Amino acid sequence: MSEVTLTAESGRQTGTGPSRRLRVAGRIPGVIYGAGQPASTITIDRADLRRALSTDAGRNALIRLEIAGGETSLALVREIQRHPVRRDVTHIDFLKVDPEKPVEIDIPVRLVGEARKVTTNGGITEQRINTVRLRVKPSAIPTAVEVDISEMTIDRSILVADLVLPEGATSVSKPRQAVVTAELTRAAVTKRGSGDEEAEES
């Protein structure tokens, strides 16, 4: 995974009032912690943060956080707080990471292919989970875990244990959890039931 560089400023005032003034000025209050060091308060430019999180990796981007006049750290976004109505970012937490030490992180699940054997037989596929939690090195975090559904058939499920994961990554989600299922639609079930009844009457 490529890195995204983001500049931060340290030493902000804490509290509701100062945080509100920062947001009005276009800056997002945050904190960075981890690596056995105490947490540090920081601020990020709102537009810069939006660009950093707009790559294919989304909020799982590996970020090189350059703190003005201080250290540079590799970090991952750990929590984003948003306004309940406007949904704009109000606070962000970063976790310092070692690129070679595994972390646990939720990765999007992306379905690929067409389940023609399902649709032509009156069925439908349903994605049951949108993310899977992996244990993986930050330098190898995938943008998504792809699930090929082209060979699916009716009444078959693809489980977490069936996923093809990137090299070096392991899943910490429940292995028997269904990722995607294929079942008959209600209309197809009704049609089959009517067909069975007609066959019995004849």
C-alpha atoms as a PDB file:
ATOM      1  CA  MET A   1       0.000   0.000   0.000  1.00  0.00           C
ATOM      2  CA  SER A   2       1.297   3.453  -0.882  1.00  0.00           C
ATOM      3  CA  GLU A   3       1.568   6.100   1.809  1.00  0.00           C
ATOM      4  CA  VAL A   4      -0.392   9.337   2.021  1.00  0.00           C
ATOM      5  CA  THR A   5       1.387  12.348   3.521  1.00  0.00           C
ATOM      6  CA  LEU A   6      -0.581  14.611   5.839  1.00  0.00           C
ATOM      7  CA  THR A   7       0.706  17.644   7.739  1.00  0.00           C
ATOM      8  CA  ALA A   8      -0.469  18.322  11.290  1.00  0.00           C
ATOM      9  CA  GLU A   9       0.098  20.957  13.940  1.00  0.00           C
ATOM     10  CA  SER A  10       0.569  20.069  17.594  1.00  0.00           C
ATOM     11  CA  GLY A  11      -0.137  21.806  20.875  1.00  0.00           C
ATOM     12  CA  ARG A  12      -3.777  22.761  20.359  1.00  0.00           C
ATOM     13  CA  GLN A  13      -6.020  23.904  23.194  1.00  0.00           C
ATOM     14  CA  THR A  14      -8.522  21.320  24.353  1.00  0.00           C
ATOM     15  CA  GLY A  15     -12.146  21.833  25.273  1.00  0.00           C
ATOM     16  CA  THR A  16     -15.415  22.501  23.478  1.00  0.00           C
ATOM     17  CA  GLY A  17     -14.820  26.200  22.793  1.00  0.00           C
ATOM     18  CA  PRO A  18     -11.322  25.935  21.282  1.00  0.00           C
ATOM     19  CA  SER A  19     -12.357  22.879  19.240  1.00  0.00           C
ATOM     20  CA  ARG A  20     -15.355  24.753  17.840  1.00  0.00           C
ATOM     21  CA  ARG A  21     -13.158  27.707  16.842  1.00  0.00           C
ATOM     22  CA  LEU A  22     -10.722  25.356  15.105  1.00  0.00           C
ATOM     23  CA  ARG A  23     -13.509  23.783  13.053  1.00  0.00           C
ATOM     24  CA  VAL A  24     -14.824  27.232  12.075  1.00  0.00           C
ATOM     25  CA  ALA A  25     -11.285  28.015  10.843  1.00  0.00           C
ATOM     26  CA  GLY A  26     -11.271  24.897   8.684  1.00  0.00           C
ATOM     27  CA  ARG A  27      -9.166  22.694  10.937  1.00  0.00           C
ATOM     28  CA  ILE A  28     -10.062  19.371  12.558  1.00  0.00           C
ATOM     29  CA  PRO A  29      -8.954  18.614  16.130  1.00  0.00           C
ATOM     30  CA  GLY A  30      -7.458  15.197  16.696  1.00  0.00           C
ATOM     31  CA  VAL A  31      -5.109  13.050  18.699  1.00  0.00           C
ATOM     32  CA  ILE A  32      -2.296  10.652  17.860  1.00  0.00           C
ATOM     33  CA  TYR A  33      -1.261   7.814  20.172  1.00  0.00           C
ATOM     34  CA  GLY A  34       0.430   4.425  20.222  1.00  0.00           C
ATOM     35  CA  ALA A  35       3.933   2.958  20.098  1.00  0.00           C
ATOM     36  CA  GLY A  36       4.102   3.123  23.892  1.00  0.00           C
ATOM     37  CA  GLN A  37       4.063   6.940  23.885  1.00  0.00           C
ATOM     38  CA  PRO A  38       1.566   9.318  25.490  1.00  0.00           C
ATOM     39  CA  ALA A  39      -1.179  10.748  23.316  1.00  0.00           C
ATOM     40  CA  SER A  40      -0.550  14.078  21.598  1.00  0.00           C
ATOM     41  CA  THR A  41      -3.182  16.607  20.532  1.00  0.00           C
ATOM     42  CA  ILE A  42      -3.015  17.799  16.926  1.00  0.00           C
ATOM     43  CA  THR A  43      -5.010  19.648  14.284  1.00  0.00           C
ATOM     44  CA  ILE A  44      -5.415  18.811  10.592  1.00  0.00           C
ATOM     45  CA  ASP A  45      -6.545  20.992   7.709  1.00  0.00           C
ATOM     46  CA  ARG A  46     -10.052  19.829   6.729  1.00  0.00           C
ATOM     47  CA  ALA A  47      -9.374  19.893   2.974  1.00  0.00           C
ATOM     48  CA  ASP A  48      -6.061  18.027   3.368  1.00  0.00           C
ATOM     49  CA  LEU A  49      -7.762  15.355   5.466  1.00  0.00           C
ATOM     50  CA  ARG A  50     -10.518  14.941   2.868  1.00  0.00           C
ATOM     51  CA  ARG A  51      -7.904  14.405   0.144  1.00  0.00           C
ATOM     52  CA  ALA A  52      -5.926  11.941   2.282  1.00  0.00           C
ATOM     53  CA  LEU A  53      -9.008   9.802   2.856  1.00  0.00           C
ATOM     54  CA  SER A  54     -10.207   9.991  -0.762  1.00  0.00           C
ATOM     55  CA  THR A  55      -7.762   7.418  -2.173  1.00  0.00           C
ATOM     56  CA  ASP A  56      -8.795   3.859  -3.040  1.00  0.00           C
ATOM     57  CA  ALA A  57      -7.747   2.851   0.488  1.00  0.00           C
ATOM     58  CA  GLY A  58     -10.308   5.206   2.070  1.00  0.00           C
ATOM     59  CA  ARG A  59     -10.000   5.456   5.843  1.00  0.00           C
ATOM     60  CA  ASN A  60      -7.579   2.494   5.818  1.00  0.00           C
ATOM     61  CA  ALA A  61      -4.898   4.586   4.120  1.00  0.00           C
ATOM     62  CA  LEU A  62      -1.406   4.343   5.605  1.00  0.00           C
ATOM     63  CA  ILE A  63      -0.648   7.944   6.526  1.00  0.00           C
ATOM     64  CA  ARG A  64       2.739   9.572   6.975  1.00  0.00           C
ATOM     65  CA  LEU A  65       1.798  12.177   9.538  1.00  0.00           C
ATOM     66  CA  GLU A  66       4.253  15.078   9.544  1.00  0.00           C
ATOM     67  CA  ILE A  67       3.834  17.180  12.660  1.00  0.00           C
ATOM     68  CA  ALA A  68       5.067  20.712  12.091  1.00  0.00           C
ATOM     69  CA  GLY A  69       8.279  21.318  14.011  1.00  0.00           C
ATOM     70  CA  GLY A  70       8.257  17.801  15.417  1.00  0.00           C
ATOM     71  CA  GLU A  71       8.224  14.127  14.538  1.00  0.00           C
ATOM     72  CA  THR A  72       7.025  12.168  11.566  1.00  0.00           C
ATOM     73  CA  SER A  73       4.983   9.041  12.245  1.00  0.00           C
ATOM     74  CA  LEU A  74       3.296   6.345  10.199  1.00  0.00           C
ATOM     75  CA  ALA A  75      -0.296   6.108  11.337  1.00  0.00           C
ATOM     76  CA  LEU A  76      -3.723   4.679  10.622  1.00  0.00           C
ATOM     77  CA  VAL A  77      -7.064   6.328  11.299  1.00  0.00           C
ATOM     78  CA  ARG A  78      -8.572   4.658  14.346  1.00  0.00           C
ATOM     79  CA  GLU A  79     -11.747   6.689  14.887  1.00  0.00           C
ATOM     80  CA  ILE A  80     -13.596   9.445  13.077  1.00  0.00           C
ATOM     81  CA  GLN A  81     -16.272  11.438  14.873  1.00  0.00           C
ATOM     82  CA  ARG A  82     -18.879  13.224  12.739  1.00  0.00           C
ATOM     83  CA  HIS A  83     -21.586  15.793  13.314  1.00  0.00           C
ATOM     84  CA  PRO A  84     -24.885  13.891  13.763  1.00  0.00           C
ATOM     85  CA  VAL A  85     -26.716  15.967  11.145  1.00  0.00           C
ATOM     86  CA  ARG A  86     -24.175  17.494   8.739  1.00  0.00           C
ATOM     87  CA  ARG A  87     -21.918  14.404   8.897  1.00  0.00           C
ATOM     88  CA  ASP A  88     -18.769  16.510   8.591  1.00  0.00           C
ATOM     89  CA  VAL A  89     -15.718  15.348  10.585  1.00  0.00           C
ATOM     90  CA  THR A  90     -15.505  16.877  14.062  1.00  0.00           C
ATOM     91  CA  HIS A  91     -12.598  14.884  15.552  1.00  0.00           C
ATOM     92  CA  ILE A  92     -10.133  12.230  14.416  1.00  0.00           C
ATOM     93  CA  ASP A  93      -7.893   9.721  16.208  1.00  0.00           C
ATOM     94  CA  PHE A  94      -4.679   8.366  14.682  1.00  0.00           C
ATOM     95  CA  LEU A  95      -2.781   5.254  15.804  1.00  0.00           C
ATOM     96  CA  LYS A  96       0.991   5.136  15.338  1.00  0.00           C
ATOM     97  CA  VAL A  97       2.064   1.911  13.642  1.00  0.00           C
ATOM     98  CA  ASP A  98       5.184   0.008  12.681  1.00  0.00           C
ATOM     99  CA  PRO A  99       4.823  -0.959   8.977  1.00  0.00           C
ATOM    100  CA  GLU A 100       6.188  -4.436   9.743  1.00  0.00           C
ATOM    101  CA  LYS A 101       4.087  -5.218  12.822  1.00  0.00           C
ATOM    102  CA  PRO A 102       0.572  -6.610  12.136  1.00  0.00           C
ATOM    103  CA  VAL A 103      -2.529  -4.683  13.145  1.00  0.00           C
ATOM    104  CA  GLU A 104      -6.190  -5.664  13.150  1.00  0.00           C
ATOM    105  CA  ILE A 105      -8.256  -3.699  10.685  1.00  0.00           C
ATOM    106  CA  ASP A 106     -11.655  -3.929   8.944  1.00  0.00           C
ATOM    107  CA  ILE A 107     -11.321  -4.347   5.175  1.00  0.00           C
ATOM    108  CA  PRO A 108     -14.205  -3.811   2.708  1.00  0.00           C
ATOM    109  CA  VAL A 109     -15.597  -6.914   0.968  1.00  0.00           C
ATOM    110  CA  ARG A 110     -16.138  -6.463  -2.776  1.00  0.00           C
ATOM    111  CA  LEU A 111     -18.173  -8.923  -4.866  1.00  0.00           C
ATOM    112  CA  VAL A 112     -16.883  -9.581  -8.382  1.00  0.00           C
ATOM    113  CA  GLY A 113     -18.320 -11.605 -11.255  1.00  0.00           C
ATOM    114  CA  GLU A 114     -21.918 -12.522 -12.077  1.00  0.00           C
ATOM    115  CA  ALA A 115     -23.795 -15.358 -10.376  1.00  0.00           C
ATOM    116  CA  ARG A 116     -25.555 -16.467 -13.573  1.00  0.00           C
ATOM    117  CA  LYS A 117     -26.259 -19.980 -12.281  1.00  0.00           C
ATOM    118  CA  VAL A 118     -28.221 -18.320  -9.490  1.00  0.00           C
ATOM    119  CA  THR A 119     -30.169 -15.719 -11.467  1.00  0.00           C
ATOM    120  CA  THR A 120     -31.117 -18.072 -14.315  1.00  0.00           C
ATOM    121  CA  ASN A 121     -32.656 -20.451 -11.772  1.00  0.00           C
ATOM    122  CA  GLY A 122     -34.788 -17.818 -10.071  1.00  0.00           C
ATOM    123  CA  GLY A 123     -32.362 -16.986  -7.298  1.00  0.00           C
ATOM    124  CA  ILE A 124     -30.672 -13.937  -5.877  1.00  0.00           C
ATOM    125  CA  THR A 125     -27.355 -13.339  -4.122  1.00  0.00           C
ATOM    126  CA  GLU A 126     -27.199 -11.389  -0.883  1.00  0.00           C
ATOM    127  CA  GLN A 127     -24.060  -9.906   0.626  1.00  0.00           C
ATOM    128  CA  ARG A 128     -24.287 -10.560   4.375  1.00  0.00           C
ATOM    129  CA  ILE A 129     -21.225  -8.625   5.580  1.00  0.00           C
ATOM    130  CA  ASN A 130     -19.555  -5.558   4.112  1.00  0.00           C
ATOM    131  CA  THR A 131     -16.208  -5.851   5.902  1.00  0.00           C
ATOM    132  CA  VAL A 132     -13.928  -8.581   7.205  1.00  0.00           C
ATOM    133  CA  ARG A 133     -11.433  -8.049  10.013  1.00  0.00           C
ATOM    134  CA  LEU A 134      -7.881  -8.970   9.064  1.00  0.00           C
ATOM    135  CA  ARG A 135      -4.617  -9.151  10.911  1.00  0.00           C
ATOM    136  CA  VAL A 136      -2.061  -7.765   8.478  1.00  0.00           C
ATOM    137  CA  LYS A 137       1.057  -5.607   8.305  1.00  0.00           C
ATOM    138  CA  PRO A 138       0.235  -1.929   7.669  1.00  0.00           C
ATOM    139  CA  SER A 139       2.503  -1.981   4.627  1.00  0.00           C
ATOM    140  CA  ALA A 140       0.357  -4.764   3.109  1.00  0.00           C
ATOM    141  CA  ILE A 141      -3.180  -3.578   3.916  1.00  0.00           C
ATOM    142  CA  PRO A 142      -5.387  -4.335   0.873  1.00  0.00           C
ATOM    143  CA  THR A 143      -7.949  -1.835  -0.388  1.00  0.00           C
ATOM    144  CA  ALA A 144     -10.558  -4.620  -0.445  1.00  0.00           C
ATOM    145  CA  VAL A 145     -11.041  -8.393  -0.251  1.00  0.00           C
ATOM    146  CA  GLU A 146     -12.582  -9.555  -3.515  1.00  0.00           C
ATOM    147  CA  VAL A 147     -15.092 -12.403  -3.533  1.00  0.00           C
ATOM    148  CA  ASP A 148     -15.742 -14.132  -6.871  1.00  0.00           C
ATOM    149  CA  ILE A 149     -19.416 -15.156  -7.063  1.00  0.00           C
ATOM    150  CA  SER A 150     -19.387 -16.373 -10.686  1.00  0.00           C
ATOM    151  CA  GLU A 151     -19.572 -20.066  -9.695  1.00  0.00           C
ATOM    152  CA  MET A 152     -22.207 -19.722  -6.992  1.00  0.00           C
ATOM    153  CA  THR A 153     -25.316 -21.890  -7.144  1.00  0.00           C
ATOM    154  CA  ILE A 154     -28.660 -21.870  -5.321  1.00  0.00           C
ATOM    155  CA  ASP A 155     -28.463 -22.653  -1.594  1.00  0.00           C
ATOM    156  CA  ARG A 156     -24.726 -22.138  -1.497  1.00  0.00           C
ATOM    157  CA  SER A 157     -22.898 -19.707   0.785  1.00  0.00           C
ATOM    158  CA  ILE A 158     -19.390 -18.310   0.677  1.00  0.00           C
ATOM    159  CA  LEU A 159     -18.009 -18.161   4.214  1.00  0.00           C
ATOM    160  CA  VAL A 160     -15.237 -16.117   5.779  1.00  0.00           C
ATOM    161  CA  ALA A 161     -13.170 -19.318   5.817  1.00  0.00           C
ATOM    162  CA  ASP A 162     -13.514 -19.495   1.997  1.00  0.00           C
ATOM    163  CA  LEU A 163     -12.008 -16.066   1.353  1.00  0.00           C
ATOM    164  CA  VAL A 164      -8.783 -15.747  -0.596  1.00  0.00           C
ATOM    165  CA  LEU A 165      -6.711 -13.340   1.496  1.00  0.00           C
ATOM    166  CA  PRO A 166      -3.600 -11.365   0.578  1.00  0.00           C
ATOM    167  CA  GLU A 167      -0.281 -13.026   1.370  1.00  0.00           C
ATOM    168  CA  GLY A 168       0.584 -12.652   5.039  1.00  0.00           C
ATOM    169  CA  ALA A 169      -2.941 -11.662   6.079  1.00  0.00           C
ATOM    170  CA  THR A 170      -5.121 -13.751   8.383  1.00  0.00           C
ATOM    171  CA  SER A 171      -8.781 -13.318   9.238  1.00  0.00           C
ATOM    172  CA  VAL A 172      -9.926 -12.753  12.807  1.00  0.00           C
ATOM    173  CA  SER A 173     -13.613 -12.726  11.856  1.00  0.00           C
ATOM    174  CA  LYS A 174     -15.706 -15.818  12.625  1.00  0.00           C
ATOM    175  CA  PRO A 175     -14.714 -18.428   9.994  1.00  0.00           C
ATOM    176  CA  ARG A 176     -18.271 -19.847   9.648  1.00  0.00           C
ATOM    177  CA  GLN A 177     -19.826 -16.432   9.126  1.00  0.00           C
ATOM    178  CA  ALA A 178     -21.537 -16.108   5.732  1.00  0.00           C
ATOM    179  CA  VAL A 179     -20.121 -13.441   3.431  1.00  0.00           C
ATOM    180  CA  VAL A 180     -22.600 -13.944   0.582  1.00  0.00           C
ATOM    181  CA  THR A 181     -25.523 -16.339   0.143  1.00  0.00           C
ATOM    182  CA  ALA A 182     -27.596 -17.484  -2.834  1.00  0.00           C
ATOM    183  CA  GLU A 183     -31.271 -18.338  -2.373  1.00  0.00           C
ATOM    184  CA  LEU A 184     -34.461 -18.597  -4.406  1.00  0.00           C
ATOM    185  CA  THR A 185     -36.554 -15.459  -4.560  1.00  0.00           C
ATOM    186  CA  ARG A 186     -39.979 -15.572  -2.912  1.00  0.00           C
ATOM    187  CA  ALA A 187     -41.619 -15.504  -6.347  1.00  0.00           C
ATOM    188  CA  ALA A 188     -39.536 -18.486  -7.501  1.00  0.00           C
ATOM    189  CA  VAL A 189     -40.417 -20.453  -4.355  1.00  0.00           C
ATOM    190  CA  THR A 190     -44.138 -19.734  -4.928  1.00  0.00           C
ATOM    191  CA  LYS A 191     -43.878 -20.711  -8.580  1.00  0.00           C
ATOM    192  CA  ARG A 192     -42.159 -23.992  -7.736  1.00  0.00           C
ATOM    193  CA  GLY A 193     -44.777 -24.743  -5.090  1.00  0.00           C
ATOM    194  CA  SER A 194     -47.581 -24.157  -7.596  1.00  0.00           C
ATOM    195  CA  GLY A 195     -45.834 -26.397 -10.094  1.00  0.00           C
ATOM    196  CA  ASP A 196     -45.552 -29.207  -7.554  1.00  0.00           C
ATOM    197  CA  GLU A 197     -49.271 -28.936  -6.695  1.00  0.00           C
ATOM    198  CA  GLU A 198     -50.267 -29.085 -10.366  1.00  0.00           C
ATOM    199  CA  ALA A 199     -48.080 -32.123 -10.894  1.00  0.00           C
ATOM    200  CA  GLU A 200     -49.739 -33.917  -7.958  1.00  0.00           C
ATOM    201  CA  GLU A 201     -53.274 -33.107  -9.251  1.00  0.00           C
ATOM    202  CA  SER A 202     -52.531 -34.467 -12.687  1.00  0.00           C
END
